[in-house]
PDB file of N, CA and C in Angstrom:
ATOM      1  N   MET A   1     -10.564 -62.856  17.875  1.00  0.00           N
ATOM      2  CA  MET A   1     -11.604 -62.679  16.891  1.00  0.00           C
ATOM      3  C   MET A   1     -12.111 -61.237  16.983  1.00  0.00           C
ATOM      4  N   ILE A   2     -12.592 -60.744  15.869  1.00  0.00           N
ATOM      5  CA  ILE A   2     -13.056 -59.360  15.787  1.00  0.00           C
ATOM      6  C   ILE A   2     -14.466 -59.337  15.208  1.00  0.00           C
ATOM      7  N   VAL A   3     -15.344 -58.609  15.881  1.00  0.00           N
ATOM      8  CA  VAL A   3     -16.690 -58.390  15.373  1.00  0.00           C
ATOM      9  C   VAL A   3     -16.723 -56.976  14.797  1.00  0.00           C
ATOM     10  N   SER A   4     -17.125 -56.871  13.551  1.00  0.00           N
ATOM     11  CA  SER A   4     -17.275 -55.580  12.887  1.00  0.00           C
ATOM     12  C   SER A   4     -18.769 -55.316  12.717  1.00  0.00           C
ATOM     13  N   ILE A   5     -19.222 -54.169  13.224  1.00  0.00           N
ATOM     14  CA  ILE A   5     -20.640 -53.823  13.180  1.00  0.00           C
ATOM     15  C   ILE A   5     -20.778 -52.491  12.456  1.00  0.00           C
ATOM     16  N   THR A   6     -21.695 -52.429  11.511  1.00  0.00           N
ATOM     17  CA  THR A   6     -21.920 -51.210  10.741  1.00  0.00           C
ATOM     18  C   THR A   6     -23.381 -50.812  10.820  1.00  0.00           C
ATOM     19  N   LYS A   7     -23.605 -49.513  10.999  1.00  0.00           N
ATOM     20  CA  LYS A   7     -24.945 -48.936  10.989  1.00  0.00           C
ATOM     21  C   LYS A   7     -25.049 -48.055   9.746  1.00  0.00           C
ATOM     22  N   ILE A   8     -26.041 -48.324   8.917  1.00  0.00           N
ATOM     23  CA  ILE A   8     -26.229 -47.580   7.668  1.00  0.00           C
ATOM     24  C   ILE A   8     -27.614 -46.948   7.696  1.00  0.00           C
ATOM     25  N   GLU A   9     -27.662 -45.629   7.616  1.00  0.00           N
ATOM     26  CA  GLU A   9     -28.944 -44.926   7.555  1.00  0.00           C
ATOM     27  C   GLU A   9     -29.160 -44.477   6.116  1.00  0.00           C
ATOM     28  N   LEU A  10     -30.152 -45.064   5.468  1.00  0.00           N
ATOM     29  CA  LEU A  10     -30.435 -44.728   4.079  1.00  0.00           C
ATOM     30  C   LEU A  10     -30.982 -43.305   3.962  1.00  0.00           C
ATOM     31  N   ASN A  11     -30.596 -42.631   2.884  1.00  0.00           N
ATOM     32  CA  ASN A  11     -31.057 -41.261   2.660  1.00  0.00           C
ATOM     33  C   ASN A  11     -32.559 -41.193   2.419  1.00  0.00           C
ATOM     34  N   SER A  12     -33.112 -42.192   1.758  1.00  0.00           N
ATOM     35  CA  SER A  12     -34.547 -42.234   1.496  1.00  0.00           C
ATOM     36  C   SER A  12     -34.947 -43.665   1.159  1.00  0.00           C
ATOM     37  N   TYR A  13     -36.236 -43.894   1.133  1.00  0.00           N
ATOM     38  CA  TYR A  13     -36.732 -45.220   0.768  1.00  0.00           C
ATOM     39  C   TYR A  13     -36.429 -45.557  -0.684  1.00  0.00           C
ATOM     40  N   LEU A  14     -36.203 -44.555  -1.499  1.00  0.00           N
ATOM     41  CA  LEU A  14     -35.840 -44.787  -2.896  1.00  0.00           C
ATOM     42  C   LEU A  14     -34.489 -45.484  -3.025  1.00  0.00           C
ATOM     43  N   ARG A  15     -33.724 -45.495  -1.972  1.00  0.00           N
ATOM     44  CA  ARG A  15     -32.392 -46.109  -1.988  1.00  0.00           C
ATOM     45  C   ARG A  15     -32.410 -47.574  -1.571  1.00  0.00           C
ATOM     46  N   LEU A  16     -33.572 -48.102  -1.217  1.00  0.00           N
ATOM     47  CA  LEU A  16     -33.648 -49.499  -0.794  1.00  0.00           C
ATOM     48  C   LEU A  16     -33.208 -50.473  -1.882  1.00  0.00           C
ATOM     49  N   ILE A  17     -33.683 -50.304  -3.104  1.00  0.00           N
ATOM     50  CA  ILE A  17     -33.344 -51.238  -4.185  1.00  0.00           C
ATOM     51  C   ILE A  17     -31.846 -51.220  -4.490  1.00  0.00           C
ATOM     52  N   PRO A  18     -31.226 -50.042  -4.686  1.00  0.00           N
ATOM     53  CA  PRO A  18     -29.768 -50.056  -4.908  1.00  0.00           C
ATOM     54  C   PRO A  18     -29.004 -50.641  -3.719  1.00  0.00           C
ATOM     55  N   PHE A  19     -29.478 -50.368  -2.503  1.00  0.00           N
ATOM     56  CA  PHE A  19     -28.835 -50.923  -1.312  1.00  0.00           C
ATOM     57  C   PHE A  19     -28.919 -52.447  -1.327  1.00  0.00           C
ATOM     58  N   PHE A  20     -30.108 -52.995  -1.624  1.00  0.00           N
ATOM     59  CA  PHE A  20     -30.274 -54.450  -1.678  1.00  0.00           C
ATOM     60  C   PHE A  20     -29.381 -55.071  -2.743  1.00  0.00           C
ATOM     61  N   LYS A  21     -29.247 -54.392  -3.857  1.00  0.00           N
ATOM     62  CA  LYS A  21     -28.416 -54.918  -4.957  1.00  0.00           C
ATOM     63  C   LYS A  21     -26.968 -55.095  -4.500  1.00  0.00           C
ATOM     64  N   PHE A  22     -26.387 -54.043  -3.962  1.00  0.00           N
ATOM     65  CA  PHE A  22     -25.003 -54.140  -3.496  1.00  0.00           C
ATOM     66  C   PHE A  22     -24.885 -55.085  -2.317  1.00  0.00           C
ATOM     67  N   ASN A  23     -25.837 -55.019  -1.409  1.00  0.00           N
ATOM     68  CA  ASN A  23     -25.753 -55.862  -0.229  1.00  0.00           C
ATOM     69  C   ASN A  23     -25.819 -57.340  -0.600  1.00  0.00           C
ATOM     70  N   GLY A  24     -26.648 -57.690  -1.573  1.00  0.00           N
ATOM     71  CA  GLY A  24     -26.712 -59.078  -2.031  1.00  0.00           C
ATOM     72  C   GLY A  24     -25.389 -59.559  -2.596  1.00  0.00           C
ATOM     73  N   GLN A  25     -24.736 -58.696  -3.357  1.00  0.00           N
ATOM     74  CA  GLN A  25     -23.428 -59.053  -3.914  1.00  0.00           C
ATOM     75  C   GLN A  25     -22.391 -59.206  -2.801  1.00  0.00           C
ATOM     76  N   ILE A  26     -22.457 -58.319  -1.824  1.00  0.00           N
ATOM     77  CA  ILE A  26     -21.498 -58.390  -0.716  1.00  0.00           C
ATOM     78  C   ILE A  26     -21.706 -59.672   0.091  1.00  0.00           C
ATOM     79  N   ILE A  27     -22.950 -60.059   0.323  1.00  0.00           N
ATOM     80  CA  ILE A  27     -23.220 -61.294   1.065  1.00  0.00           C
ATOM     81  C   ILE A  27     -22.673 -62.509   0.317  1.00  0.00           C
ATOM     82  N   LYS A  28     -22.820 -62.534  -0.997  1.00  0.00           N
ATOM     83  CA  LYS A  28     -22.253 -63.631  -1.794  1.00  0.00           C
ATOM     84  C   LYS A  28     -20.745 -63.714  -1.587  1.00  0.00           C
ATOM     85  N   GLU A  29     -20.080 -62.556  -1.609  1.00  0.00           N
ATOM     86  CA  GLU A  29     -18.625 -62.547  -1.419  1.00  0.00           C
ATOM     87  C   GLU A  29     -18.242 -62.887   0.012  1.00  0.00           C
ATOM     88  N   LEU A  30     -19.064 -62.484   0.977  1.00  0.00           N
ATOM     89  CA  LEU A  30     -18.788 -62.846   2.372  1.00  0.00           C
ATOM     90  C   LEU A  30     -18.735 -64.362   2.527  1.00  0.00           C
ATOM     91  N   LYS A  31     -19.653 -65.046   1.869  1.00  0.00           N
ATOM     92  CA  LYS A  31     -19.714 -66.512   1.957  1.00  0.00           C
ATOM     93  C   LYS A  31     -18.462 -67.174   1.387  1.00  0.00           C
ATOM     94  N   LEU A  32     -17.777 -66.489   0.488  1.00  0.00           N
ATOM     95  CA  LEU A  32     -16.560 -67.026  -0.114  1.00  0.00           C
ATOM     96  C   LEU A  32     -15.292 -66.521   0.572  1.00  0.00           C
ATOM     97  N   SER A  33     -15.444 -65.624   1.521  1.00  0.00           N
ATOM     98  CA  SER A  33     -14.294 -64.982   2.167  1.00  0.00           C
ATOM     99  C   SER A  33     -13.882 -65.727   3.439  1.00  0.00           C
ATOM    100  N   ALA A  34     -12.961 -65.131   4.174  1.00  0.00           N
ATOM    101  CA  ALA A  34     -12.498 -65.683   5.444  1.00  0.00           C
ATOM    102  C   ALA A  34     -13.425 -65.318   6.604  1.00  0.00           C
ATOM    103  N   CYS A  35     -14.550 -64.712   6.315  1.00  0.00           N
ATOM    104  CA  CYS A  35     -15.533 -64.335   7.329  1.00  0.00           C
ATOM    105  C   CYS A  35     -16.025 -65.577   8.072  1.00  0.00           C
ATOM    106  N   LYS A  36     -16.076 -65.504   9.382  1.00  0.00           N
ATOM    107  CA  LYS A  36     -16.490 -66.642  10.216  1.00  0.00           C
ATOM    108  C   LYS A  36     -17.985 -66.631  10.514  1.00  0.00           C
ATOM    109  N   GLY A  37     -18.654 -65.507  10.272  1.00  0.00           N
ATOM    110  CA  GLY A  37     -20.087 -65.408  10.506  1.00  0.00           C
ATOM    111  C   GLY A  37     -20.564 -64.008  10.179  1.00  0.00           C
ATOM    112  N   PHE A  38     -21.842 -63.900   9.825  1.00  0.00           N
ATOM    113  CA  PHE A  38     -22.391 -62.582   9.545  1.00  0.00           C
ATOM    114  C   PHE A  38     -23.895 -62.587   9.755  1.00  0.00           C
ATOM    115  N   LYS A  39     -24.429 -61.402   9.970  1.00  0.00           N
ATOM    116  CA  LYS A  39     -25.872 -61.233  10.030  1.00  0.00           C
ATOM    117  C   LYS A  39     -26.225 -59.797   9.677  1.00  0.00           C
ATOM    118  N   LEU A  40     -27.470 -59.608   9.294  1.00  0.00           N
ATOM    119  CA  LEU A  40     -27.987 -58.332   8.817  1.00  0.00           C
ATOM    120  C   LEU A  40     -29.328 -58.092   9.492  1.00  0.00           C
ATOM    121  N   LYS A  41     -29.585 -56.847   9.899  1.00  0.00           N
ATOM    122  CA  LYS A  41     -30.860 -56.551  10.562  1.00  0.00           C
ATOM    123  C   LYS A  41     -31.325 -55.144  10.194  1.00  0.00           C
ATOM    124  N   PRO A  42     -32.558 -55.028   9.733  1.00  0.00           N
ATOM    125  CA  PRO A  42     -33.120 -53.699   9.501  1.00  0.00           C
ATOM    126  C   PRO A  42     -33.767 -53.170  10.772  1.00  0.00           C
ATOM    127  N   ASN A  43     -33.864 -51.864  10.877  1.00  0.00           N
ATOM    128  CA  ASN A  43     -34.679 -51.263  11.904  1.00  0.00           C
ATOM    129  C   ASN A  43     -36.129 -51.409  11.465  1.00  0.00           C
ATOM    130  N   PHE A  44     -37.056 -51.179  12.339  1.00  0.00           N
ATOM    131  CA  PHE A  44     -38.470 -51.375  11.991  1.00  0.00           C
ATOM    132  C   PHE A  44     -38.925 -50.527  10.807  1.00  0.00           C
ATOM    133  N   ASN A  45     -38.276 -49.390  10.555  1.00  0.00           N
ATOM    134  CA  ASN A  45     -38.698 -48.497   9.464  1.00  0.00           C
ATOM    135  C   ASN A  45     -37.993 -48.769   8.133  1.00  0.00           C
ATOM    136  N   LEU A  46     -37.073 -49.722   8.100  1.00  0.00           N
ATOM    137  CA  LEU A  46     -36.294 -50.116   6.918  1.00  0.00           C
ATOM    138  C   LEU A  46     -35.359 -49.028   6.387  1.00  0.00           C
ATOM    139  N   LYS A  47     -35.220 -47.913   7.087  1.00  0.00           N
ATOM    140  CA  LYS A  47     -34.276 -46.884   6.654  1.00  0.00           C
ATOM    141  C   LYS A  47     -32.925 -47.036   7.343  1.00  0.00           C
ATOM    142  N   VAL A  48     -32.896 -47.772   8.441  1.00  0.00           N
ATOM    143  CA  VAL A  48     -31.646 -48.011   9.166  1.00  0.00           C
ATOM    144  C   VAL A  48     -31.359 -49.506   9.127  1.00  0.00           C
ATOM    145  N   TRP A  49     -30.137 -49.843   8.713  1.00  0.00           N
ATOM    146  CA  TRP A  49     -29.715 -51.236   8.589  1.00  0.00           C
ATOM    147  C   TRP A  49     -28.430 -51.450   9.379  1.00  0.00           C
ATOM    148  N   TYR A  50     -28.316 -52.617   9.975  1.00  0.00           N
ATOM    149  CA  TYR A  50     -27.114 -53.006  10.707  1.00  0.00           C
ATOM    150  C   TYR A  50     -26.538 -54.266  10.077  1.00  0.00           C
ATOM    151  N   THR A  51     -25.229 -54.293   9.946  1.00  0.00           N
ATOM    152  CA  THR A  51     -24.544 -55.505   9.512  1.00  0.00           C
ATOM    153  C   THR A  51     -23.533 -55.881  10.590  1.00  0.00           C
ATOM    154  N   MET A  52     -23.304 -57.175  10.713  1.00  0.00           N
ATOM    155  CA  MET A  52     -22.337 -57.650  11.693  1.00  0.00           C
ATOM    156  C   MET A  52     -21.577 -58.818  11.087  1.00  0.00           C
ATOM    157  N   THR A  53     -20.257 -58.775  11.189  1.00  0.00           N
ATOM    158  CA  THR A  53     -19.414 -59.850  10.674  1.00  0.00           C
ATOM    159  C   THR A  53     -18.385 -60.247  11.728  1.00  0.00           C
ATOM    160  N   LEU A  54     -17.951 -61.488  11.658  1.00  0.00           N
ATOM    161  CA  LEU A  54     -16.956 -62.030  12.586  1.00  0.00           C
ATOM    162  C   LEU A  54     -15.722 -62.446  11.795  1.00  0.00           C
ATOM    163  N   TRP A  55     -14.566 -61.989  12.258  1.00  0.00           N
ATOM    164  CA  TRP A  55     -13.310 -62.228  11.544  1.00  0.00           C
ATOM    165  C   TRP A  55     -12.236 -62.725  12.507  1.00  0.00           C
ATOM    166  N   GLU A  56     -11.305 -63.486  11.956  1.00  0.00           N
ATOM    167  CA  GLU A  56     -10.171 -63.995  12.732  1.00  0.00           C
ATOM    168  C   GLU A  56      -9.214 -62.866  13.114  1.00  0.00           C
ATOM    169  N   ASN A  57      -8.973 -61.932  12.167  1.00  0.00           N
ATOM    170  CA  ASN A  57      -7.986 -60.875  12.411  1.00  0.00           C
ATOM    171  C   ASN A  57      -8.221 -59.682  11.475  1.00  0.00           C
ATOM    172  N   ASP A  58      -7.470 -58.610  11.718  1.00  0.00           N
ATOM    173  CA  ASP A  58      -7.593 -57.385  10.914  1.00  0.00           C
ATOM    174  C   ASP A  58      -7.228 -57.610   9.450  1.00  0.00           C
ATOM    175  N   THR A  59      -6.272 -58.475   9.189  1.00  0.00           N
ATOM    176  CA  THR A  59      -5.860 -58.736   7.809  1.00  0.00           C
ATOM    177  C   THR A  59      -7.027 -59.294   6.998  1.00  0.00           C
ATOM    178  N   ASP A  60      -7.759 -60.240   7.580  1.00  0.00           N
ATOM    179  CA  ASP A  60      -8.913 -60.808   6.880  1.00  0.00           C
ATOM    180  C   ASP A  60      -9.982 -59.748   6.617  1.00  0.00           C
ATOM    181  N   ILE A  61     -10.235 -58.900   7.609  1.00  0.00           N
ATOM    182  CA  ILE A  61     -11.221 -57.823   7.431  1.00  0.00           C
ATOM    183  C   ILE A  61     -10.784 -56.897   6.307  1.00  0.00           C
ATOM    184  N   ASN A  62      -9.556 -56.437   6.386  1.00  0.00           N
ATOM    185  CA  ASN A  62      -9.062 -55.478   5.389  1.00  0.00           C
ATOM    186  C   ASN A  62      -9.021 -56.064   3.982  1.00  0.00           C
ATOM    187  N   ASN A  63      -8.669 -57.339   3.861  1.00  0.00           N
ATOM    188  CA  ASN A  63      -8.683 -57.987   2.542  1.00  0.00           C
ATOM    189  C   ASN A  63     -10.091 -57.985   1.959  1.00  0.00           C
ATOM    190  N   PHE A  64     -11.075 -58.259   2.793  1.00  0.00           N
ATOM    191  CA  PHE A  64     -12.454 -58.256   2.303  1.00  0.00           C
ATOM    192  C   PHE A  64     -12.916 -56.841   1.971  1.00  0.00           C
ATOM    193  N   TYR A  65     -12.653 -55.896   2.856  1.00  0.00           N
ATOM    194  CA  TYR A  65     -13.106 -54.516   2.640  1.00  0.00           C
ATOM    195  C   TYR A  65     -12.506 -53.910   1.378  1.00  0.00           C
ATOM    196  N   ARG A  66     -11.344 -54.387   0.998  1.00  0.00           N
ATOM    197  CA  ARG A  66     -10.676 -53.841  -0.187  1.00  0.00           C
ATOM    198  C   ARG A  66     -10.946 -54.655  -1.449  1.00  0.00           C
ATOM    199  N   ASN A  67     -11.827 -55.670  -1.358  1.00  0.00           N
ATOM    200  CA  ASN A  67     -12.127 -56.458  -2.550  1.00  0.00           C
ATOM    201  C   ASN A  67     -13.038 -55.665  -3.476  1.00  0.00           C
ATOM    202  N   ASP A  68     -13.263 -56.186  -4.653  1.00  0.00           N
ATOM    203  CA  ASP A  68     -13.963 -55.451  -5.706  1.00  0.00           C
ATOM    204  C   ASP A  68     -15.340 -54.934  -5.314  1.00  0.00           C
ATOM    205  N   THR A  69     -16.240 -55.820  -4.898  1.00  0.00           N
ATOM    206  CA  THR A  69     -17.622 -55.426  -4.639  1.00  0.00           C
ATOM    207  C   THR A  69     -17.727 -54.502  -3.437  1.00  0.00           C
ATOM    208  N   HIS A  70     -17.064 -54.852  -2.339  1.00  0.00           N
ATOM    209  CA  HIS A  70     -17.160 -54.003  -1.149  1.00  0.00           C
ATOM    210  C   HIS A  70     -16.513 -52.651  -1.396  1.00  0.00           C
ATOM    211  N   LEU A  71     -15.394 -52.635  -2.061  1.00  0.00           N
ATOM    212  CA  LEU A  71     -14.728 -51.376  -2.382  1.00  0.00           C
ATOM    213  C   LEU A  71     -15.614 -50.498  -3.254  1.00  0.00           C
ATOM    214  N   GLU A  72     -16.260 -51.102  -4.243  1.00  0.00           N
ATOM    215  CA  GLU A  72     -17.191 -50.370  -5.113  1.00  0.00           C
ATOM    216  C   GLU A  72     -18.374 -49.830  -4.309  1.00  0.00           C
ATOM    217  N   ALA A  73     -18.883 -50.627  -3.392  1.00  0.00           N
ATOM    218  CA  ALA A  73     -19.995 -50.188  -2.550  1.00  0.00           C
ATOM    219  C   ALA A  73     -19.579 -49.003  -1.679  1.00  0.00           C
ATOM    220  N   MET A  74     -18.365 -49.033  -1.157  1.00  0.00           N
ATOM    221  CA  MET A  74     -17.891 -47.919  -0.332  1.00  0.00           C
ATOM    222  C   MET A  74     -17.756 -46.639  -1.159  1.00  0.00           C
ATOM    223  N   LYS A  75     -17.291 -46.778  -2.387  1.00  0.00           N
ATOM    224  CA  LYS A  75     -17.170 -45.610  -3.266  1.00  0.00           C
ATOM    225  C   LYS A  75     -18.541 -45.000  -3.569  1.00  0.00           C
ATOM    226  N   LYS A  76     -19.555 -45.866  -3.680  1.00  0.00           N
ATOM    227  CA  LYS A  76     -20.901 -45.399  -4.028  1.00  0.00           C
ATOM    228  C   LYS A  76     -21.800 -45.225  -2.807  1.00  0.00           C
ATOM    229  N   SER A  77     -21.239 -45.343  -1.622  1.00  0.00           N
ATOM    230  CA  SER A  77     -22.052 -45.315  -0.407  1.00  0.00           C
ATOM    231  C   SER A  77     -22.826 -44.011  -0.224  1.00  0.00           C
ATOM    232  N   THR A  78     -22.313 -42.912  -0.746  1.00  0.00           N
ATOM    233  CA  THR A  78     -23.032 -41.641  -0.590  1.00  0.00           C
ATOM    234  C   THR A  78     -24.338 -41.628  -1.380  1.00  0.00           C
ATOM    235  N   ILE A  79     -24.470 -42.518  -2.357  1.00  0.00           N
ATOM    236  CA  ILE A  79     -25.733 -42.646  -3.085  1.00  0.00           C
ATOM    237  C   ILE A  79     -26.814 -43.178  -2.135  1.00  0.00           C
ATOM    238  N   PHE A  80     -26.429 -44.086  -1.251  1.00  0.00           N
ATOM    239  CA  PHE A  80     -27.374 -44.722  -0.339  1.00  0.00           C
ATOM    240  C   PHE A  80     -27.569 -43.932   0.949  1.00  0.00           C
ATOM    241  N   SER A  81     -26.452 -43.444   1.473  1.00  0.00           N
ATOM    242  CA  SER A  81     -26.481 -42.945   2.837  1.00  0.00           C
ATOM    243  C   SER A  81     -25.480 -41.822   3.056  1.00  0.00           C
ATOM    244  N   SER A  82     -25.863 -40.893   3.903  1.00  0.00           N
ATOM    245  CA  SER A  82     -24.917 -39.862   4.334  1.00  0.00           C
ATOM    246  C   SER A  82     -24.468 -40.143   5.770  1.00  0.00           C
ATOM    247  N   LYS A  83     -24.985 -41.248   6.341  1.00  0.00           N
ATOM    248  CA  LYS A  83     -24.650 -41.606   7.719  1.00  0.00           C
ATOM    249  C   LYS A  83     -24.297 -43.088   7.798  1.00  0.00           C
ATOM    250  N   ILE A  84     -23.007 -43.377   7.773  1.00  0.00           N
ATOM    251  CA  ILE A  84     -22.530 -44.745   7.955  1.00  0.00           C
ATOM    252  C   ILE A  84     -21.535 -44.725   9.108  1.00  0.00           C
ATOM    253  N   GLN A  85     -21.761 -45.601  10.069  1.00  0.00           N
ATOM    254  CA  GLN A  85     -20.875 -45.710  11.223  1.00  0.00           C
ATOM    255  C   GLN A  85     -20.448 -47.162  11.376  1.00  0.00           C
ATOM    256  N   SER A  86     -19.214 -47.363  11.812  1.00  0.00           N
ATOM    257  CA  SER A  86     -18.725 -48.723  12.041  1.00  0.00           C
ATOM    258  C   SER A  86     -18.021 -48.807  13.379  1.00  0.00           C
ATOM    259  N   LYS A  87     -18.112 -49.966  13.977  1.00  0.00           N
ATOM    260  CA  LYS A  87     -17.437 -50.259  15.246  1.00  0.00           C
ATOM    261  C   LYS A  87     -16.792 -51.628  15.131  1.00  0.00           C
ATOM    262  N   ARG A  88     -15.679 -51.806  15.812  1.00  0.00           N
ATOM    263  CA  ARG A  88     -15.024 -53.110  15.909  1.00  0.00           C
ATOM    264  C   ARG A  88     -14.797 -53.415  17.371  1.00  0.00           C
ATOM    265  N   ILE A  89     -15.116 -54.651  17.745  1.00  0.00           N
ATOM    266  CA  ILE A  89     -14.892 -55.082  19.121  1.00  0.00           C
ATOM    267  C   ILE A  89     -14.263 -56.474  19.110  1.00  0.00           C
ATOM    268  N   ASP A  90     -13.520 -56.769  20.152  1.00  0.00           N
ATOM    269  CA  ASP A  90     -12.919 -58.098  20.303  1.00  0.00           C
ATOM    270  C   ASP A  90     -13.917 -59.017  20.993  1.00  0.00           C
ATOM    271  N   LYS A  91     -14.381 -60.021  20.267  1.00  0.00           N
ATOM    272  CA  LYS A  91     -15.312 -61.027  20.801  1.00  0.00           C
ATOM    273  C   LYS A  91     -15.052 -62.332  20.066  1.00  0.00           C
ATOM    274  N   MET A  92     -15.414 -63.428  20.693  1.00  0.00           N
ATOM    275  CA  MET A  92     -15.206 -64.734  20.090  1.00  0.00           C
ATOM    276  C   MET A  92     -16.373 -65.170  19.202  1.00  0.00           C
ATOM    277  N   GLU A  93     -17.493 -64.445  19.301  1.00  0.00           N
ATOM    278  CA  GLU A  93     -18.662 -64.765  18.479  1.00  0.00           C
ATOM    279  C   GLU A  93     -19.479 -63.501  18.252  1.00  0.00           C
ATOM    280  N   LEU A  94     -20.402 -63.585  17.318  1.00  0.00           N
ATOM    281  CA  LEU A  94     -21.282 -62.449  17.059  1.00  0.00           C
ATOM    282  C   LEU A  94     -22.101 -62.151  18.311  1.00  0.00           C
ATOM    283  N   ILE A  95     -22.382 -60.880  18.543  1.00  0.00           N
ATOM    284  CA  ILE A  95     -23.136 -60.488  19.726  1.00  0.00           C
ATOM    285  C   ILE A  95     -24.610 -60.302  19.359  1.00  0.00           C
ATOM    286  N   ASN A  96     -25.460 -60.127  20.361  1.00  0.00           N
ATOM    287  CA  ASN A  96     -26.872 -59.933  20.072  1.00  0.00           C
ATOM    288  C   ASN A  96     -27.101 -58.495  19.579  1.00  0.00           C
ATOM    289  N   TRP A  97     -28.201 -58.301  18.885  1.00  0.00           N
ATOM    290  CA  TRP A  97     -28.479 -57.000  18.266  1.00  0.00           C
ATOM    291  C   TRP A  97     -28.697 -55.895  19.292  1.00  0.00           C
ATOM    292  N   LYS A  98     -29.286 -56.219  20.412  1.00  0.00           N
ATOM    293  CA  LYS A  98     -29.519 -55.204  21.443  1.00  0.00           C
ATOM    294  C   LYS A  98     -28.198 -54.589  21.891  1.00  0.00           C
ATOM    295  N   ASP A  99     -27.211 -55.430  22.163  1.00  0.00           N
ATOM    296  CA  ASP A  99     -25.893 -54.940  22.578  1.00  0.00           C
ATOM    297  C   ASP A  99     -25.178 -54.227  21.436  1.00  0.00           C
ATOM    298  N   ALA A 100     -25.349 -54.729  20.227  1.00  0.00           N
ATOM    299  CA  ALA A 100     -24.707 -54.099  19.070  1.00  0.00           C
ATOM    300  C   ALA A 100     -25.232 -52.683  18.858  1.00  0.00           C
ATOM    301  N   LYS A 101     -26.541 -52.515  18.936  1.00  0.00           N
ATOM    302  CA  LYS A 101     -27.142 -51.196  18.720  1.00  0.00           C
ATOM    303  C   LYS A 101     -26.717 -50.201  19.790  1.00  0.00           C
ATOM    304  N   LYS A 102     -26.501 -50.683  21.014  1.00  0.00           N
ATOM    305  CA  LYS A 102     -26.063 -49.815  22.110  1.00  0.00           C
ATOM    306  C   LYS A 102     -24.711 -49.174  21.805  1.00  0.00           C
ATOM    307  N   LEU A 103     -23.878 -49.853  21.050  1.00  0.00           N
ATOM    308  CA  LEU A 103     -22.554 -49.312  20.711  1.00  0.00           C
ATOM    309  C   LEU A 103     -22.667 -47.997  19.943  1.00  0.00           C
ATOM    310  N   PHE A 104     -23.740 -47.805  19.230  1.00  0.00           N
ATOM    311  CA  PHE A 104     -23.918 -46.591  18.420  1.00  0.00           C
ATOM    312  C   PHE A 104     -24.664 -45.503  19.181  1.00  0.00           C
ATOM    313  N   ASN A 105     -25.179 -45.821  20.360  1.00  0.00           N
ATOM    314  CA  ASN A 105     -25.927 -44.844  21.144  1.00  0.00           C
ATOM    315  C   ASN A 105     -25.104 -44.229  22.264  1.00  0.00           C
ATOM    316  N   THR A 106     -23.842 -44.624  22.368  1.00  0.00           N
ATOM    317  CA  THR A 106     -22.984 -44.058  23.411  1.00  0.00           C
ATOM    318  C   THR A 106     -22.244 -42.841  22.859  1.00  0.00           C
ATOM    319  N   ILE A 107     -22.001 -41.906  23.727  1.00  0.00           N
ATOM    320  CA  ILE A 107     -21.309 -40.673  23.298  1.00  0.00           C
ATOM    321  C   ILE A 107     -19.838 -40.775  23.595  1.00  0.00           C
TER     322      ILE A 107
END
């Protein structure tokens, strides 16, 4: 199993509404996909968001990432953020947020 974790830093608070719009569509598609689990967490200031998904394999992840809504969101991601980072780790279940956030603080 693979856990995919993404950190998205919004360019400004004005980007919250467009971010929510795309994110809502992506969550709807996640529920219909081969995704085994997902969660979303904002930082206390709402400018930094984390997403976490659980997948059986790379093929399932790539099929989802290349679907219509997610692909469109990636093309328009510079509207929301100039700082997007992703990590993938091998785990059998979603991890806690404290450990997930640590992955982005290591050099």
